[in-house]
Amino acid sequence: MRTPLAIIAGVLLATTGGAALGQSASFQVSLRLLPEHVAGAAPVELPTPPQAQHLPPSRDAKRLLYAGNADEARRFYASTLPQLGFYLTQEKADSATWDRSDVRAELLFYPVVGNEEATGIIVTMRPRNPLDSAASR
């Protein structure tokens, strides 16, 4: 993917430089290529509450259907995640954010309508920037 971008940038520089030969002007281009994936450890998998079914995942999140209410699901994560090195950084009525030095877990809880009491859980895992963890201390 970097090769086509470099070719386009080279063509732009060559055509602009040729047109500017007879004139007094300057032209500067700066490109910053970022890595597509952050290098690091394997992705972290959070434990799944008992009685939870895995639903088809979305592009960047895991989806669960839990046979119970949101408070029970919250209690499960509150008792399990600290054992994995996570600490609670934000809690709202329908979500919770748990951080660890290398990763952030965002949990979204929503009620599911039906005959049985059920809760949908969306789990999003994001790698943490080392600068973010230093700033939060």
N, C-alpha and C. Protein backbone atom coordinates (compact mmCIF):
# COMPACT_ATOMS: atom_id res chain seq x y z
N MET A 1 0.82 -1.19 0.00
CA MET A 1 0.00 0.00 0.00
C MET A 1 0.87 1.25 0.00
N ARG A 2 2.06 1.17 0.51
CA ARG A 2 2.94 2.32 0.56
C ARG A 2 3.48 2.67 -0.82
N THR A 3 3.64 1.68 -1.70
CA THR A 3 4.22 1.92 -3.02
C THR A 3 3.35 2.86 -3.86
N PRO A 4 2.03 2.65 -4.00
CA PRO A 4 1.23 3.59 -4.79
C PRO A 4 1.25 5.01 -4.22
N LEU A 5 1.25 5.13 -2.91
CA LEU A 5 1.30 6.45 -2.29
C LEU A 5 2.61 7.14 -2.60
N ALA A 6 3.71 6.39 -2.56
CA ALA A 6 5.02 6.97 -2.86
C ALA A 6 5.10 7.39 -4.33
N ILE A 7 4.51 6.59 -5.23
CA ILE A 7 4.52 6.94 -6.65
C ILE A 7 3.73 8.22 -6.89
N ILE A 8 2.56 8.33 -6.28
CA ILE A 8 1.74 9.53 -6.44
C ILE A 8 2.48 10.76 -5.92
N ALA A 9 3.09 10.63 -4.75
CA ALA A 9 3.83 11.76 -4.18
C ALA A 9 5.01 12.14 -5.08
N GLY A 10 5.70 11.14 -5.65
CA GLY A 10 6.82 11.43 -6.55
C GLY A 10 6.38 12.13 -7.81
N VAL A 11 5.28 11.71 -8.40
CA VAL A 11 4.76 12.35 -9.61
C VAL A 11 4.36 13.79 -9.32
N LEU A 12 3.71 14.03 -8.19
CA LEU A 12 3.33 15.40 -7.83
C LEU A 12 4.55 16.28 -7.64
N LEU A 13 5.57 15.77 -7.01
CA LEU A 13 6.79 16.55 -6.81
C LEU A 13 7.48 16.85 -8.14
N ALA A 14 7.54 15.86 -9.02
CA ALA A 14 8.22 16.05 -10.31
C ALA A 14 7.49 17.07 -11.17
N THR A 15 6.17 16.98 -11.25
CA THR A 15 5.43 17.92 -12.10
C THR A 15 5.44 19.32 -11.52
N THR A 16 5.34 19.44 -10.22
CA THR A 16 5.36 20.76 -9.60
C THR A 16 6.75 21.37 -9.71
N GLY A 17 7.77 20.56 -9.51
CA GLY A 17 9.14 21.07 -9.61
C GLY A 17 9.47 21.52 -11.02
N GLY A 18 9.00 20.79 -12.04
CA GLY A 18 9.26 21.18 -13.43
C GLY A 18 8.56 22.48 -13.78
N ALA A 19 7.37 22.70 -13.30
CA ALA A 19 6.64 23.93 -13.60
C ALA A 19 7.24 25.12 -12.88
N ALA A 20 7.90 24.89 -11.78
CA ALA A 20 8.43 25.99 -10.98
C ALA A 20 9.86 26.36 -11.36
N LEU A 21 10.46 25.71 -12.37
CA LEU A 21 11.84 26.01 -12.74
C LEU A 21 12.03 27.47 -13.15
N GLY A 22 11.12 28.01 -13.89
CA GLY A 22 11.26 29.38 -14.38
C GLY A 22 10.76 30.42 -13.40
N GLN A 23 10.29 30.03 -12.26
CA GLN A 23 9.73 30.97 -11.31
C GLN A 23 10.45 30.84 -9.97
N SER A 24 10.33 31.85 -9.17
CA SER A 24 10.93 31.76 -7.84
C SER A 24 9.85 31.37 -6.84
N ALA A 25 9.76 30.10 -6.57
CA ALA A 25 8.76 29.59 -5.63
C ALA A 25 9.34 28.37 -4.94
N SER A 26 8.77 28.04 -3.84
CA SER A 26 9.21 26.82 -3.16
C SER A 26 7.99 25.96 -2.86
N PHE A 27 8.24 24.69 -2.78
CA PHE A 27 7.17 23.74 -2.55
C PHE A 27 7.71 22.63 -1.65
N GLN A 28 6.97 22.29 -0.61
CA GLN A 28 7.42 21.27 0.32
C GLN A 28 6.27 20.32 0.63
N VAL A 29 6.57 19.04 0.63
CA VAL A 29 5.59 18.02 0.96
C VAL A 29 6.13 17.18 2.10
N SER A 30 5.30 16.95 3.09
CA SER A 30 5.67 16.07 4.20
C SER A 30 4.66 14.94 4.28
N LEU A 31 5.15 13.74 4.34
CA LEU A 31 4.28 12.57 4.48
C LEU A 31 4.66 11.82 5.74
N ARG A 32 3.66 11.35 6.43
CA ARG A 32 3.91 10.53 7.62
C ARG A 32 3.12 9.25 7.45
N LEU A 33 3.82 8.15 7.31
CA LEU A 33 3.17 6.86 7.14
C LEU A 33 3.07 6.17 8.49
N LEU A 34 1.87 5.80 8.86
CA LEU A 34 1.63 5.14 10.14
C LEU A 34 1.47 3.65 9.90
N PRO A 35 1.89 2.83 10.83
CA PRO A 35 1.72 1.39 10.66
C PRO A 35 0.24 1.02 10.67
N GLU A 36 -0.08 0.00 9.88
CA GLU A 36 -1.48 -0.42 9.81
C GLU A 36 -1.93 -1.10 11.09
N HIS A 37 -1.07 -1.85 11.72
CA HIS A 37 -1.40 -2.56 12.96
C HIS A 37 -0.35 -2.24 13.99
N VAL A 38 -0.81 -2.11 15.22
CA VAL A 38 0.12 -1.88 16.31
C VAL A 38 0.78 -3.21 16.67
N ALA A 39 2.09 -3.21 16.66
CA ALA A 39 2.81 -4.43 17.03
C ALA A 39 2.70 -4.64 18.53
N GLY A 40 2.57 -5.84 18.93
CA GLY A 40 2.49 -6.10 20.37
C GLY A 40 2.05 -7.52 20.63
N ALA A 41 1.54 -7.72 21.80
CA ALA A 41 1.13 -9.06 22.22
C ALA A 41 -0.16 -9.46 21.52
N ALA A 42 -0.50 -10.71 21.68
CA ALA A 42 -1.74 -11.23 21.10
C ALA A 42 -2.93 -10.53 21.73
N PRO A 43 -4.05 -10.46 21.01
CA PRO A 43 -5.23 -9.80 21.56
C PRO A 43 -5.70 -10.47 22.85
N VAL A 44 -6.23 -9.67 23.74
CA VAL A 44 -6.70 -10.16 25.03
C VAL A 44 -8.16 -10.58 24.89
N GLU A 45 -8.48 -11.75 25.41
CA GLU A 45 -9.86 -12.23 25.44
C GLU A 45 -10.38 -12.12 26.86
N LEU A 46 -11.46 -11.41 27.04
CA LEU A 46 -12.08 -11.32 28.36
C LEU A 46 -12.90 -12.58 28.62
N PRO A 47 -13.02 -12.97 29.87
CA PRO A 47 -13.87 -14.12 30.19
C PRO A 47 -15.33 -13.80 29.86
N THR A 48 -16.06 -14.84 29.56
CA THR A 48 -17.48 -14.71 29.23
C THR A 48 -18.31 -15.11 30.44
N PRO A 49 -19.32 -14.32 30.79
CA PRO A 49 -20.17 -14.71 31.93
C PRO A 49 -20.83 -16.06 31.67
N PRO A 50 -21.07 -16.82 32.74
CA PRO A 50 -21.79 -18.08 32.55
C PRO A 50 -23.19 -17.78 32.00
N GLN A 51 -23.73 -18.68 31.26
CA GLN A 51 -25.04 -18.53 30.64
C GLN A 51 -25.06 -17.43 29.58
N ALA A 52 -23.92 -17.13 28.99
CA ALA A 52 -23.86 -16.14 27.90
C ALA A 52 -23.60 -16.87 26.59
N GLN A 53 -24.27 -16.43 25.56
CA GLN A 53 -24.08 -16.97 24.22
C GLN A 53 -23.28 -15.97 23.39
N HIS A 54 -22.39 -16.49 22.57
CA HIS A 54 -21.65 -15.62 21.65
C HIS A 54 -22.52 -15.38 20.42
N LEU A 55 -22.71 -14.13 20.08
CA LEU A 55 -23.42 -13.75 18.87
C LEU A 55 -22.38 -13.45 17.79
N PRO A 56 -22.79 -13.38 16.53
CA PRO A 56 -21.81 -13.02 15.50
C PRO A 56 -21.17 -11.67 15.84
N PRO A 57 -19.84 -11.61 15.82
CA PRO A 57 -19.17 -10.36 16.21
C PRO A 57 -19.32 -9.29 15.13
N SER A 58 -19.19 -8.05 15.55
CA SER A 58 -19.12 -6.96 14.59
C SER A 58 -17.66 -6.82 14.17
N ARG A 59 -17.35 -5.82 13.40
CA ARG A 59 -15.99 -5.66 12.87
C ARG A 59 -14.95 -5.51 13.97
N ASP A 60 -15.28 -4.76 15.01
CA ASP A 60 -14.28 -4.50 16.05
C ASP A 60 -14.79 -4.75 17.47
N ALA A 61 -15.83 -5.57 17.60
CA ALA A 61 -16.37 -5.84 18.94
C ALA A 61 -16.92 -7.26 19.02
N LYS A 62 -16.92 -7.77 20.23
CA LYS A 62 -17.52 -9.07 20.50
C LYS A 62 -18.91 -8.81 21.07
N ARG A 63 -19.89 -9.61 20.64
CA ARG A 63 -21.27 -9.44 21.11
C ARG A 63 -21.71 -10.69 21.85
N LEU A 64 -22.34 -10.46 23.01
CA LEU A 64 -22.82 -11.56 23.84
C LEU A 64 -24.28 -11.37 24.18
N LEU A 65 -24.99 -12.48 24.38
CA LEU A 65 -26.35 -12.46 24.89
C LEU A 65 -26.31 -13.18 26.23
N TYR A 66 -26.55 -12.44 27.30
CA TYR A 66 -26.45 -12.97 28.66
C TYR A 66 -27.84 -13.23 29.22
N ALA A 67 -28.07 -14.43 29.76
CA ALA A 67 -29.37 -14.79 30.34
C ALA A 67 -29.43 -14.29 31.77
N GLY A 68 -29.65 -13.00 31.93
CA GLY A 68 -29.73 -12.37 33.25
C GLY A 68 -29.79 -10.87 33.06
N ASN A 69 -29.82 -10.13 34.17
CA ASN A 69 -29.92 -8.67 34.04
C ASN A 69 -28.53 -8.04 33.99
N ALA A 70 -28.51 -6.76 33.68
CA ALA A 70 -27.24 -6.03 33.51
C ALA A 70 -26.44 -5.97 34.81
N ASP A 71 -27.12 -5.86 35.95
CA ASP A 71 -26.41 -5.81 37.24
C ASP A 71 -25.63 -7.10 37.51
N GLU A 72 -26.22 -8.24 37.16
CA GLU A 72 -25.51 -9.51 37.33
C GLU A 72 -24.28 -9.58 36.42
N ALA A 73 -24.43 -9.11 35.20
CA ALA A 73 -23.29 -9.10 34.26
C ALA A 73 -22.19 -8.17 34.77
N ARG A 74 -22.58 -7.01 35.29
CA ARG A 74 -21.59 -6.07 35.85
C ARG A 74 -20.84 -6.70 37.02
N ARG A 75 -21.58 -7.40 37.89
CA ARG A 75 -20.94 -8.05 39.04
C ARG A 75 -19.95 -9.12 38.60
N PHE A 76 -20.30 -9.84 37.53
CA PHE A 76 -19.38 -10.85 37.01
C PHE A 76 -18.06 -10.19 36.58
N TYR A 77 -18.15 -9.13 35.80
CA TYR A 77 -16.93 -8.46 35.34
C TYR A 77 -16.19 -7.78 36.49
N ALA A 78 -16.92 -7.22 37.45
CA ALA A 78 -16.28 -6.56 38.60
C ALA A 78 -15.50 -7.56 39.45
N SER A 79 -15.93 -8.81 39.49
CA SER A 79 -15.20 -9.81 40.27
C SER A 79 -14.09 -10.49 39.47
N THR A 80 -14.20 -10.50 38.14
CA THR A 80 -13.26 -11.22 37.30
C THR A 80 -12.12 -10.36 36.76
N LEU A 81 -12.43 -9.16 36.29
CA LEU A 81 -11.42 -8.35 35.61
C LEU A 81 -10.26 -7.89 36.51
N PRO A 82 -10.48 -7.54 37.77
CA PRO A 82 -9.33 -7.18 38.61
C PRO A 82 -8.30 -8.31 38.74
N GLN A 83 -8.75 -9.55 38.67
CA GLN A 83 -7.82 -10.69 38.73
C GLN A 83 -6.93 -10.76 37.50
N LEU A 84 -7.36 -10.12 36.40
CA LEU A 84 -6.58 -10.08 35.16
C LEU A 84 -5.76 -8.80 35.04
N GLY A 85 -5.75 -7.98 36.11
CA GLY A 85 -4.95 -6.76 36.10
C GLY A 85 -5.70 -5.52 35.64
N PHE A 86 -7.02 -5.61 35.44
CA PHE A 86 -7.81 -4.47 35.00
C PHE A 86 -8.28 -3.66 36.21
N TYR A 87 -8.49 -2.37 36.00
CA TYR A 87 -9.09 -1.52 37.03
C TYR A 87 -10.18 -0.67 36.37
N LEU A 88 -11.24 -0.43 37.12
CA LEU A 88 -12.39 0.31 36.60
C LEU A 88 -12.04 1.78 36.49
N THR A 89 -12.19 2.36 35.30
CA THR A 89 -11.88 3.78 35.11
C THR A 89 -13.13 4.63 34.89
N GLN A 90 -14.21 4.01 34.42
CA GLN A 90 -15.43 4.78 34.21
C GLN A 90 -16.62 3.83 34.26
N GLU A 91 -17.67 4.27 34.94
CA GLU A 91 -18.89 3.47 35.01
C GLU A 91 -20.09 4.38 34.82
N LYS A 92 -20.95 4.00 33.89
CA LYS A 92 -22.19 4.74 33.63
C LYS A 92 -23.35 3.77 33.76
N ALA A 93 -24.56 4.27 33.57
CA ALA A 93 -25.74 3.43 33.73
C ALA A 93 -25.74 2.26 32.76
N ASP A 94 -25.23 2.47 31.55
CA ASP A 94 -25.28 1.41 30.54
C ASP A 94 -23.92 0.94 30.05
N SER A 95 -22.83 1.38 30.70
CA SER A 95 -21.50 0.98 30.22
C SER A 95 -20.47 1.02 31.35
N ALA A 96 -19.33 0.40 31.06
CA ALA A 96 -18.20 0.42 31.99
C ALA A 96 -16.91 0.35 31.18
N THR A 97 -15.89 1.06 31.62
CA THR A 97 -14.59 1.03 30.97
C THR A 97 -13.57 0.52 31.97
N TRP A 98 -12.83 -0.50 31.56
CA TRP A 98 -11.80 -1.12 32.38
C TRP A 98 -10.47 -0.97 31.66
N ASP A 99 -9.45 -0.54 32.38
CA ASP A 99 -8.12 -0.35 31.78
C ASP A 99 -7.11 -1.29 32.40
N ARG A 100 -6.11 -1.58 31.61
CA ARG A 100 -4.92 -2.29 32.04
C ARG A 100 -3.76 -1.60 31.32
N SER A 101 -2.56 -1.87 31.68
CA SER A 101 -1.43 -1.14 31.10
C SER A 101 -1.35 -1.27 29.59
N ASP A 102 -1.82 -2.38 29.02
CA ASP A 102 -1.67 -2.60 27.59
C ASP A 102 -2.97 -2.51 26.80
N VAL A 103 -4.12 -2.55 27.47
CA VAL A 103 -5.38 -2.63 26.73
C VAL A 103 -6.51 -1.98 27.52
N ARG A 104 -7.51 -1.50 26.80
CA ARG A 104 -8.73 -0.93 27.40
C ARG A 104 -9.92 -1.77 26.95
N ALA A 105 -10.76 -2.13 27.91
CA ALA A 105 -11.98 -2.90 27.63
C ALA A 105 -13.18 -2.00 27.88
N GLU A 106 -14.01 -1.84 26.84
CA GLU A 106 -15.23 -1.05 26.96
C GLU A 106 -16.41 -2.01 26.87
N LEU A 107 -17.25 -2.00 27.90
CA LEU A 107 -18.40 -2.90 27.97
C LEU A 107 -19.68 -2.08 27.90
N LEU A 108 -20.56 -2.43 26.99
CA LEU A 108 -21.84 -1.76 26.84
C LEU A 108 -22.93 -2.78 27.14
N PHE A 109 -23.81 -2.45 28.09
CA PHE A 109 -24.89 -3.34 28.51
C PHE A 109 -26.21 -2.75 28.04
N TYR A 110 -27.06 -3.60 27.42
CA TYR A 110 -28.37 -3.10 26.99
C TYR A 110 -29.42 -4.20 27.19
N PRO A 111 -30.63 -3.80 27.59
CA PRO A 111 -31.69 -4.79 27.82
C PRO A 111 -32.17 -5.39 26.50
N VAL A 112 -32.52 -6.65 26.54
CA VAL A 112 -33.06 -7.34 25.37
C VAL A 112 -34.52 -7.64 25.66
N VAL A 113 -35.39 -7.28 24.75
CA VAL A 113 -36.83 -7.47 24.93
C VAL A 113 -37.19 -8.91 24.56
N GLY A 114 -38.02 -9.52 25.39
CA GLY A 114 -38.46 -10.89 25.13
C GLY A 114 -39.14 -11.48 26.34
N ASN A 115 -39.44 -12.77 26.28
CA ASN A 115 -40.12 -13.45 27.39
C ASN A 115 -39.20 -13.63 28.59
N GLU A 116 -37.94 -13.89 28.36
CA GLU A 116 -36.97 -14.10 29.43
C GLU A 116 -36.16 -12.83 29.65
N GLU A 117 -35.68 -12.66 30.87
CA GLU A 117 -34.81 -11.52 31.16
C GLU A 117 -33.44 -11.79 30.53
N ALA A 118 -32.99 -10.86 29.71
CA ALA A 118 -31.70 -11.04 29.03
C ALA A 118 -31.05 -9.67 28.85
N THR A 119 -29.73 -9.71 28.72
CA THR A 119 -28.94 -8.50 28.53
C THR A 119 -27.97 -8.72 27.39
N GLY A 120 -27.91 -7.76 26.50
CA GLY A 120 -26.90 -7.78 25.46
C GLY A 120 -25.64 -7.10 25.97
N ILE A 121 -24.49 -7.65 25.63
CA ILE A 121 -23.21 -7.08 26.05
C ILE A 121 -22.34 -6.92 24.81
N ILE A 122 -21.83 -5.72 24.60
CA ILE A 122 -20.88 -5.48 23.52
C ILE A 122 -19.53 -5.21 24.18
N VAL A 123 -18.53 -5.99 23.81
CA VAL A 123 -17.18 -5.88 24.38
C VAL A 123 -16.23 -5.39 23.30
N THR A 124 -15.65 -4.22 23.54
CA THR A 124 -14.68 -3.65 22.60
C THR A 124 -13.33 -3.58 23.30
N MET A 125 -12.32 -4.14 22.67
CA MET A 125 -10.96 -4.12 23.21
C MET A 125 -10.10 -3.22 22.33
N ARG A 126 -9.37 -2.30 22.96
CA ARG A 126 -8.49 -1.40 22.22
C ARG A 126 -7.12 -1.39 22.87
N PRO A 127 -6.06 -1.47 22.05
CA PRO A 127 -4.72 -1.35 22.65
C PRO A 127 -4.53 0.05 23.20
N ARG A 128 -3.79 0.14 24.28
CA ARG A 128 -3.52 1.44 24.90
C ARG A 128 -2.17 1.95 24.46
N ASN A 129 -2.10 3.24 24.25
CA ASN A 129 -0.85 3.91 23.95
C ASN A 129 -0.07 4.01 25.25
N PRO A 130 1.24 3.67 25.26
CA PRO A 130 2.01 3.78 26.50
C PRO A 130 1.99 5.19 27.09
N LEU A 131 1.84 6.21 26.25
CA LEU A 131 1.78 7.58 26.75
C LEU A 131 0.48 7.83 27.52
N ASP A 132 -0.61 7.14 27.12
CA ASP A 132 -1.88 7.30 27.83
C ASP A 132 -1.78 6.77 29.25
N SER A 133 -1.13 5.63 29.43
CA SER A 133 -1.03 5.06 30.78
C SER A 133 -0.12 5.90 31.66
N ALA A 134 0.90 6.54 31.09
CA ALA A 134 1.78 7.41 31.89
C ALA A 134 1.04 8.68 32.31
N ALA A 135 0.16 9.18 31.44
CA ALA A 135 -0.57 10.41 31.75
C ALA A 135 -1.65 10.18 32.80
N SER A 136 -2.17 8.93 32.90
CA SER A 136 -3.25 8.68 33.85
C SER A 136 -2.74 8.43 35.26
N ARG A 137 -1.43 8.31 35.44
CA ARG A 137 -0.88 8.06 36.78
C ARG A 137 -0.74 9.31 37.58
